[in-house]
Amino acid sequence: MTDGFVLLSEVSGTVPIGEAITNILSNPLSIVLLLFGGLLTAFAVGTMAYMVAAGLLAGVSAE
């Protein structure tokens, strides 16, 4: 158990952030997944904001 953790920390320590980003950007599938995740997040945030705004407007008009 501890051997795997030590190995993981050693491996993650040897890979610079820039190289990791380059590896991600060099893989087309990961780019698609990142874009898709970004779109889903933006849609979810927009939907929540719309719901809150609609709820506030409904509350204001009800009074």
Protein backbone atom coordinates (compact mmCIF):
# COMPACT_ATOMS: atom_id res chain seq x y z
CA MET A 1 0.00 0.00 0.00
CA THR A 2 2.68 2.46 0.99
CA ASP A 3 4.90 1.34 -1.90
CA GLY A 4 2.25 2.37 -4.40
CA PHE A 5 1.83 5.73 -2.70
CA VAL A 6 5.58 6.39 -2.70
CA LEU A 7 5.80 5.35 -6.34
CA LEU A 8 2.90 7.63 -7.23
CA SER A 9 4.46 10.60 -5.46
CA GLU A 10 7.81 9.93 -7.13
CA VAL A 11 6.24 9.69 -10.57
CA SER A 12 4.09 12.80 -10.12
CA GLY A 13 7.12 14.67 -8.81
CA THR A 14 9.17 13.90 -11.90
CA VAL A 15 6.58 15.15 -14.43
CA PRO A 16 6.59 18.94 -14.81
CA ILE A 17 3.26 20.73 -15.17
CA GLY A 18 4.16 22.01 -18.63
CA GLU A 19 4.92 18.52 -19.87
CA ALA A 20 1.64 17.23 -18.47
CA ILE A 21 -0.27 20.02 -20.24
CA THR A 22 1.60 19.25 -23.47
CA ASN A 23 0.67 15.57 -23.16
CA ILE A 24 -2.99 16.48 -22.67
CA LEU A 25 -3.03 18.91 -25.61
CA SER A 26 -1.26 16.44 -27.90
CA ASN A 27 -4.12 13.95 -27.44
CA PRO A 28 -7.18 14.91 -29.55
CA LEU A 29 -9.56 12.84 -27.41
CA SER A 30 -8.57 14.65 -24.23
CA ILE A 31 -9.10 18.02 -25.98
CA VAL A 32 -12.61 16.95 -26.99
CA LEU A 33 -13.34 15.78 -23.44
CA LEU A 34 -12.06 19.07 -22.00
CA LEU A 35 -14.23 21.10 -24.40
CA PHE A 36 -17.24 18.90 -23.72
CA GLY A 37 -16.74 19.24 -19.96
CA GLY A 38 -16.41 23.00 -20.32
CA LEU A 39 -19.62 23.21 -22.33
CA LEU A 40 -21.50 21.08 -19.81
CA THR A 41 -20.24 23.22 -16.94
CA ALA A 42 -21.19 26.46 -18.72
CA PHE A 43 -24.64 25.07 -19.50
CA ALA A 44 -25.18 23.97 -15.89
CA VAL A 45 -24.07 27.33 -14.50
CA GLY A 46 -26.25 29.20 -17.00
CA THR A 47 -29.25 27.04 -16.18
CA MET A 48 -28.77 27.63 -12.44
CA ALA A 49 -28.46 31.38 -12.98
CA TYR A 50 -31.62 31.34 -15.10
CA MET A 51 -33.52 29.40 -12.43
CA VAL A 52 -32.40 31.80 -9.70
CA ALA A 53 -33.32 34.83 -11.81
CA ALA A 54 -36.71 33.34 -12.70
CA GLY A 55 -37.35 32.54 -9.04
CA LEU A 56 -36.43 36.06 -7.97
CA LEU A 57 -38.64 37.58 -10.67
CA ALA A 58 -41.53 35.31 -9.68
CA GLY A 59 -41.05 36.28 -6.05
CA VAL A 60 -40.99 39.97 -6.86
CA SER A 61 -44.05 39.82 -9.12
CA ALA A 62 -45.97 37.78 -6.54
CA GLU A 63 -45.69 40.49 -3.90
